[in-house]
């Protein structure tokens, strides 16, 4: 899935909001829950990847500050 962070989070928000408004029929429930789960997995994966990149850069940035 190559959804951007903003697109994925907006879509997830729309799904959650539809649950809050009771806009989801029983027929749509499983489909929306499945899509929400997939979006959450995408967002979590991107967060983990970003954290790994920050963790990798942090020592280098500290080393630059020590000079």
PDB file of N, CA and C in Angstrom:
ATOM      1  N   UNK A   1       0.854  -1.167   0.000  1.00  0.00           N
ATOM      2  CA  UNK A   1       0.000   0.000   0.000  1.00  0.00           C
ATOM      3  C   UNK A   1       0.896   1.225   0.000  1.00  0.00           C
ATOM      4  N   UNK A   2       0.735   2.112  -0.950  1.00  0.00           N
ATOM      5  CA  UNK A   2       1.603   3.277  -1.053  1.00  0.00           C
ATOM      6  C   UNK A   2       0.855   4.565  -0.729  1.00  0.00           C
ATOM      7  N   UNK A   3      -0.005   4.505   0.236  1.00  0.00           N
ATOM      8  CA  UNK A   3      -0.769   5.667   0.666  1.00  0.00           C
ATOM      9  C   UNK A   3       0.143   6.599   1.447  1.00  0.00           C
ATOM     10  N   UNK A   4       0.019   7.910   1.208  1.00  0.00           N
ATOM     11  CA  UNK A   4       0.826   8.857   1.972  1.00  0.00           C
ATOM     12  C   UNK A   4       0.331   8.899   3.416  1.00  0.00           C
ATOM     13  N   UNK A   5       1.185   9.409   4.296  1.00  0.00           N
ATOM     14  CA  UNK A   5       0.823   9.520   5.711  1.00  0.00           C
ATOM     15  C   UNK A   5      -0.460  10.334   5.862  1.00  0.00           C
ATOM     16  N   UNK A   6      -0.504  11.499   5.207  1.00  0.00           N
ATOM     17  CA  UNK A   6      -1.678  12.368   5.341  1.00  0.00           C
ATOM     18  C   UNK A   6      -2.937  11.698   4.816  1.00  0.00           C
ATOM     19  N   UNK A   7      -2.835  11.046   3.668  1.00  0.00           N
ATOM     20  CA  UNK A   7      -4.003  10.373   3.102  1.00  0.00           C
ATOM     21  C   UNK A   7      -4.481   9.247   4.003  1.00  0.00           C
ATOM     22  N   UNK A   8      -3.544   8.469   4.531  1.00  0.00           N
ATOM     23  CA  UNK A   8      -3.912   7.348   5.403  1.00  0.00           C
ATOM     24  C   UNK A   8      -4.558   7.847   6.689  1.00  0.00           C
ATOM     25  N   UNK A   9      -3.989   8.893   7.276  1.00  0.00           N
ATOM     26  CA  UNK A   9      -4.554   9.385   8.535  1.00  0.00           C
ATOM     27  C   UNK A   9      -5.916  10.040   8.306  1.00  0.00           C
ATOM     28  N   UNK A  10      -6.089  10.738   7.191  1.00  0.00           N
ATOM     29  CA  UNK A  10      -7.399  11.332   6.876  1.00  0.00           C
ATOM     30  C   UNK A  10      -8.449  10.248   6.647  1.00  0.00           C
ATOM     31  N   UNK A  11      -8.067   9.205   5.924  1.00  0.00           N
ATOM     32  CA  UNK A  11      -9.013   8.115   5.678  1.00  0.00           C
ATOM     33  C   UNK A  11      -9.381   7.412   6.985  1.00  0.00           C
ATOM     34  N   UNK A  12      -8.387   7.184   7.830  1.00  0.00           N
ATOM     35  CA  UNK A  12      -8.655   6.553   9.117  1.00  0.00           C
ATOM     36  C   UNK A  12      -9.576   7.434   9.963  1.00  0.00           C
ATOM     37  N   UNK A  13      -9.318   8.735   9.979  1.00  0.00           N
ATOM     38  CA  UNK A  13     -10.190   9.661  10.713  1.00  0.00           C
ATOM     39  C   UNK A  13     -11.622   9.607  10.193  1.00  0.00           C
ATOM     40  N   UNK A  14     -11.773   9.523   8.876  1.00  0.00           N
ATOM     41  CA  UNK A  14     -13.118   9.458   8.290  1.00  0.00           C
ATOM     42  C   UNK A  14     -13.838   8.182   8.718  1.00  0.00           C
ATOM     43  N   UNK A  15     -13.107   7.086   8.771  1.00  0.00           N
ATOM     44  CA  UNK A  15     -13.714   5.817   9.206  1.00  0.00           C
ATOM     45  C   UNK A  15     -14.142   5.919  10.667  1.00  0.00           C
ATOM     46  N   UNK A  16     -13.259   6.434  11.507  1.00  0.00           N
ATOM     47  CA  UNK A  16     -13.575   6.576  12.930  1.00  0.00           C
ATOM     48  C   UNK A  16     -14.773   7.513  13.104  1.00  0.00           C
ATOM     49  N   UNK A  17     -14.784   8.605  12.375  1.00  0.00           N
ATOM     50  CA  UNK A  17     -15.907   9.543  12.468  1.00  0.00           C
ATOM     51  C   UNK A  17     -17.213   8.902  12.024  1.00  0.00           C
ATOM     52  N   UNK A  18     -17.150   8.041  11.017  1.00  0.00           N
ATOM     53  CA  UNK A  18     -18.375   7.371  10.574  1.00  0.00           C
ATOM     54  C   UNK A  18     -18.902   6.442  11.663  1.00  0.00           C
ATOM     55  N   UNK A  19     -17.997   5.843  12.441  1.00  0.00           N
ATOM     56  CA  UNK A  19     -18.424   5.013  13.571  1.00  0.00           C
ATOM     57  C   UNK A  19     -19.074   5.891  14.648  1.00  0.00           C
ATOM     58  N   UNK A  20     -18.467   7.053  14.893  1.00  0.00           N
ATOM     59  CA  UNK A  20     -19.001   7.961  15.907  1.00  0.00           C
ATOM     60  C   UNK A  20     -20.395   8.477  15.542  1.00  0.00           C
ATOM     61  N   UNK A  21     -20.644   8.658  14.258  1.00  0.00           N
ATOM     62  CA  UNK A  21     -21.938   9.175  13.791  1.00  0.00           C
ATOM     63  C   UNK A  21     -22.945   8.058  13.547  1.00  0.00           C
ATOM     64  N   UNK A  22     -22.546   6.832  13.776  1.00  0.00           N
ATOM     65  CA  UNK A  22     -23.411   5.678  13.497  1.00  0.00           C
ATOM     66  C   UNK A  22     -23.816   5.620  12.026  1.00  0.00           C
ATOM     67  N   UNK A  23     -22.877   6.007  11.140  1.00  0.00           N
ATOM     68  CA  UNK A  23     -23.122   5.996   9.698  1.00  0.00           C
ATOM     69  C   UNK A  23     -22.801   4.658   9.042  1.00  0.00           C
ATOM     70  N   UNK A  24     -22.437   3.675   9.824  1.00  0.00           N
ATOM     71  CA  UNK A  24     -21.966   2.411   9.264  1.00  0.00           C
ATOM     72  C   UNK A  24     -23.051   1.351   9.433  1.00  0.00           C
ATOM     73  N   UNK A  25     -23.428   0.793   8.308  1.00  0.00           N
ATOM     74  CA  UNK A  25     -24.388  -0.306   8.377  1.00  0.00           C
ATOM     75  C   UNK A  25     -23.660  -1.580   8.780  1.00  0.00           C
ATOM     76  N   UNK A  26     -24.411  -2.545   9.199  1.00  0.00           N
ATOM     77  CA  UNK A  26     -23.822  -3.837   9.572  1.00  0.00           C
ATOM     78  C   UNK A  26     -23.087  -4.432   8.376  1.00  0.00           C
ATOM     79  N   UNK A  27     -23.615  -4.211   7.185  1.00  0.00           N
ATOM     80  CA  UNK A  27     -22.971  -4.738   5.981  1.00  0.00           C
ATOM     81  C   UNK A  27     -21.607  -4.104   5.729  1.00  0.00           C
ATOM     82  N   UNK A  28     -21.442  -2.847   6.116  1.00  0.00           N
ATOM     83  CA  UNK A  28     -20.178  -2.133   5.889  1.00  0.00           C
ATOM     84  C   UNK A  28     -19.177  -2.315   7.028  1.00  0.00           C
ATOM     85  N   UNK A  29     -19.644  -2.752   8.160  1.00  0.00           N
ATOM     86  CA  UNK A  29     -18.821  -2.782   9.366  1.00  0.00           C
ATOM     87  C   UNK A  29     -17.512  -3.541   9.181  1.00  0.00           C
ATOM     88  N   UNK A  30     -17.578  -4.777   8.702  1.00  0.00           N
ATOM     89  CA  UNK A  30     -16.363  -5.575   8.545  1.00  0.00           C
ATOM     90  C   UNK A  30     -15.413  -4.931   7.542  1.00  0.00           C
ATOM     91  N   UNK A  31     -15.953  -4.434   6.438  1.00  0.00           N
ATOM     92  CA  UNK A  31     -15.118  -3.798   5.420  1.00  0.00           C
ATOM     93  C   UNK A  31     -14.383  -2.581   5.997  1.00  0.00           C
ATOM     94  N   UNK A  32     -15.104  -1.744   6.729  1.00  0.00           N
ATOM     95  CA  UNK A  32     -14.469  -0.551   7.303  1.00  0.00           C
ATOM     96  C   UNK A  32     -13.469  -0.915   8.394  1.00  0.00           C
ATOM     97  N   UNK A  33     -13.790  -1.906   9.207  1.00  0.00           N
ATOM     98  CA  UNK A  33     -12.840  -2.335  10.238  1.00  0.00           C
ATOM     99  C   UNK A  33     -11.575  -2.923   9.613  1.00  0.00           C
ATOM    100  N   UNK A  34     -11.736  -3.672   8.549  1.00  0.00           N
ATOM    101  CA  UNK A  34     -10.575  -4.238   7.845  1.00  0.00           C
ATOM    102  C   UNK A  34      -9.705  -3.137   7.257  1.00  0.00           C
ATOM    103  N   UNK A  35     -10.333  -2.158   6.653  1.00  0.00           N
ATOM    104  CA  UNK A  35      -9.589  -1.042   6.060  1.00  0.00           C
ATOM    105  C   UNK A  35      -8.896  -0.235   7.150  1.00  0.00           C
ATOM    106  N   UNK A  36      -9.583   0.013   8.253  1.00  0.00           N
ATOM    107  CA  UNK A  36      -8.981   0.758   9.358  1.00  0.00           C
ATOM    108  C   UNK A  36      -7.761   0.020   9.905  1.00  0.00           C
ATOM    109  N   UNK A  37      -7.865  -1.280  10.034  1.00  0.00           N
ATOM    110  CA  UNK A  37      -6.738  -2.087  10.514  1.00  0.00           C
ATOM    111  C   UNK A  37      -5.548  -1.982   9.567  1.00  0.00           C
ATOM    112  N   UNK A  38      -5.817  -2.051   8.276  1.00  0.00           N
ATOM    113  CA  UNK A  38      -4.737  -1.927   7.286  1.00  0.00           C
ATOM    114  C   UNK A  38      -4.082  -0.545   7.355  1.00  0.00           C
ATOM    115  N   UNK A  39      -4.883   0.487   7.522  1.00  0.00           N
ATOM    116  CA  UNK A  39      -4.337   1.840   7.619  1.00  0.00           C
ATOM    117  C   UNK A  39      -3.494   2.004   8.878  1.00  0.00           C
ATOM    118  N   UNK A  40      -3.955   1.454   9.981  1.00  0.00           N
ATOM    119  CA  UNK A  40      -3.189   1.525  11.227  1.00  0.00           C
ATOM    120  C   UNK A  40      -1.845   0.820  11.059  1.00  0.00           C
ATOM    121  N   UNK A  41      -1.841  -0.313  10.391  1.00  0.00           N
ATOM    122  CA  UNK A  41      -0.580  -1.035  10.151  1.00  0.00           C
ATOM    123  C   UNK A  41       0.375  -0.204   9.308  1.00  0.00           C
ATOM    124  N   UNK A  42      -0.148   0.469   8.289  1.00  0.00           N
ATOM    125  CA  UNK A  42       0.686   1.338   7.448  1.00  0.00           C
ATOM    126  C   UNK A  42       1.275   2.465   8.284  1.00  0.00           C
ATOM    127  N   UNK A  43       0.448   3.105   9.075  1.00  0.00           N
ATOM    128  CA  UNK A  43       0.917   4.226   9.892  1.00  0.00           C
ATOM    129  C   UNK A  43       1.930   3.772  10.935  1.00  0.00           C
ATOM    130  N   UNK A  44       1.695   2.643  11.582  1.00  0.00           N
ATOM    131  CA  UNK A  44       2.655   2.129  12.566  1.00  0.00           C
ATOM    132  C   UNK A  44       3.989   1.780  11.918  1.00  0.00           C
ATOM    133  N   UNK A  45       3.945   1.185  10.740  1.00  0.00           N
ATOM    134  CA  UNK A  45       5.172   0.841  10.022  1.00  0.00           C
ATOM    135  C   UNK A  45       5.970   2.094   9.694  1.00  0.00           C
ATOM    136  N   UNK A  46       5.266   3.117   9.238  1.00  0.00           N
ATOM    137  CA  UNK A  46       5.963   4.379   8.918  1.00  0.00           C
ATOM    138  C   UNK A  46       6.540   5.029  10.164  1.00  0.00           C
ATOM    139  N   UNK A  47       5.816   4.967  11.274  1.00  0.00           N
ATOM    140  CA  UNK A  47       6.343   5.524  12.524  1.00  0.00           C
ATOM    141  C   UNK A  47       7.595   4.792  12.975  1.00  0.00           C
ATOM    142  N   UNK A  48       7.569   3.463  12.899  1.00  0.00           N
ATOM    143  CA  UNK A  48       8.756   2.673  13.283  1.00  0.00           C
ATOM    144  C   UNK A  48       9.946   3.009  12.382  1.00  0.00           C
ATOM    145  N   UNK A  49       9.694   3.152  11.086  1.00  0.00           N
ATOM    146  CA  UNK A  49      10.775   3.474  10.146  1.00  0.00           C
ATOM    147  C   UNK A  49      11.337   4.870  10.434  1.00  0.00           C
ATOM    148  N   UNK A  50      10.467   5.809  10.718  1.00  0.00           N
ATOM    149  CA  UNK A  50      10.919   7.167  11.030  1.00  0.00           C
ATOM    150  C   UNK A  50      11.713   7.188  12.327  1.00  0.00           C
ATOM    151  N   UNK A  51      11.247   6.449  13.338  1.00  0.00           N
ATOM    152  CA  UNK A  51      11.982   6.380  14.597  1.00  0.00           C
ATOM    153  C   UNK A  51      13.368   5.783  14.382  1.00  0.00           C
ATOM    154  N   UNK A  52      13.459   4.757  13.564  1.00  0.00           N
ATOM    155  CA  UNK A  52      14.760   4.139  13.285  1.00  0.00           C
ATOM    156  C   UNK A  52      15.695   5.140  12.603  1.00  0.00           C
ATOM    157  N   UNK A  53      15.156   5.933  11.706  1.00  0.00           N
ATOM    158  CA  UNK A  53      15.977   6.939  11.028  1.00  0.00           C
ATOM    159  C   UNK A  53      16.447   8.012  12.008  1.00  0.00           C
ATOM    160  N   UNK A  54      15.560   8.446  12.885  1.00  0.00           N
ATOM    161  CA  UNK A  54      15.928   9.448  13.885  1.00  0.00           C
ATOM    162  C   UNK A  54      16.974   8.875  14.838  1.00  0.00           C
ATOM    163  N   UNK A  55      16.768   7.630  15.268  1.00  0.00           N
ATOM    164  CA  UNK A  55      17.738   6.987  16.155  1.00  0.00           C
ATOM    165  C   UNK A  55      19.107   6.873  15.492  1.00  0.00           C
ATOM    166  N   UNK A  56      19.119   6.663  14.197  1.00  0.00           N
ATOM    167  CA  UNK A  56      20.384   6.568  13.470  1.00  0.00           C
ATOM    168  C   UNK A  56      21.061   7.932  13.349  1.00  0.00           C
ATOM    169  N   UNK A  57      20.273   8.959  13.142  1.00  0.00           N
ATOM    170  CA  UNK A  57      20.838  10.304  12.966  1.00  0.00           C
ATOM    171  C   UNK A  57      21.225  10.958  14.287  1.00  0.00           C
ATOM    172  N   UNK A  58      20.573  10.607  15.356  1.00  0.00           N
ATOM    173  CA  UNK A  58      20.804  11.262  16.636  1.00  0.00           C
ATOM    174  C   UNK A  58      22.271  11.262  17.081  1.00  0.00           C
ATOM    175  N   UNK A  59      22.981  10.137  17.058  1.00  0.00           N
ATOM    176  CA  UNK A  59      24.391  10.159  17.462  1.00  0.00           C
ATOM    177  C   UNK A  59      25.247  11.050  16.551  1.00  0.00           C
ATOM    178  N   UNK A  60      24.911  11.069  15.278  1.00  0.00           N
ATOM    179  CA  UNK A  60      25.659  11.908  14.348  1.00  0.00           C
ATOM    180  C   UNK A  60      25.438  13.386  14.655  1.00  0.00           C
ATOM    181  N   UNK A  61      24.202  13.736  14.997  1.00  0.00           N
ATOM    182  CA  UNK A  61      23.911  15.117  15.339  1.00  0.00           C
ATOM    183  C   UNK A  61      24.584  15.533  16.642  1.00  0.00           C
ATOM    184  N   UNK A  62      24.596  14.616  17.600  1.00  0.00           N
ATOM    185  CA  UNK A  62      25.274  14.889  18.863  1.00  0.00           C
ATOM    186  C   UNK A  62      26.775  15.085  18.628  1.00  0.00           C
ATOM    187  N   UNK A  63      27.336  14.263  17.761  1.00  0.00           N
ATOM    188  CA  UNK A  63      28.766  14.366  17.463  1.00  0.00           C
ATOM    189  C   UNK A  63      29.081  15.709  16.819  1.00  0.00           C
ATOM    190  N   UNK A  64      28.209  16.194  15.988  1.00  0.00           N
ATOM    191  CA  UNK A  64      28.413  17.505  15.358  1.00  0.00           C
ATOM    192  C   UNK A  64      28.372  18.616  16.409  1.00  0.00           C
ATOM    193  N   UNK A  65      27.518  18.452  17.393  1.00  0.00           N
ATOM    194  CA  UNK A  65      27.399  19.452  18.460  1.00  0.00           C
ATOM    195  C   UNK A  65      28.578  19.448  19.398  1.00  0.00           C
ATOM    196  N   UNK A  66      29.298  18.328  19.471  1.00  0.00           N
ATOM    197  CA  UNK A  66      30.450  18.212  20.363  1.00  0.00           C
ATOM    198  C   UNK A  66      31.693  18.858  19.784  1.00  0.00           C
ATOM    199  N   UNK A  67      31.664  19.153  18.505  1.00  0.00           N
ATOM    200  CA  UNK A  67      32.862  19.738  17.856  1.00  0.00           C
ATOM    201  C   UNK A  67      33.083  21.175  18.222  1.00  0.00           C
TER     202      UNK A  67
END
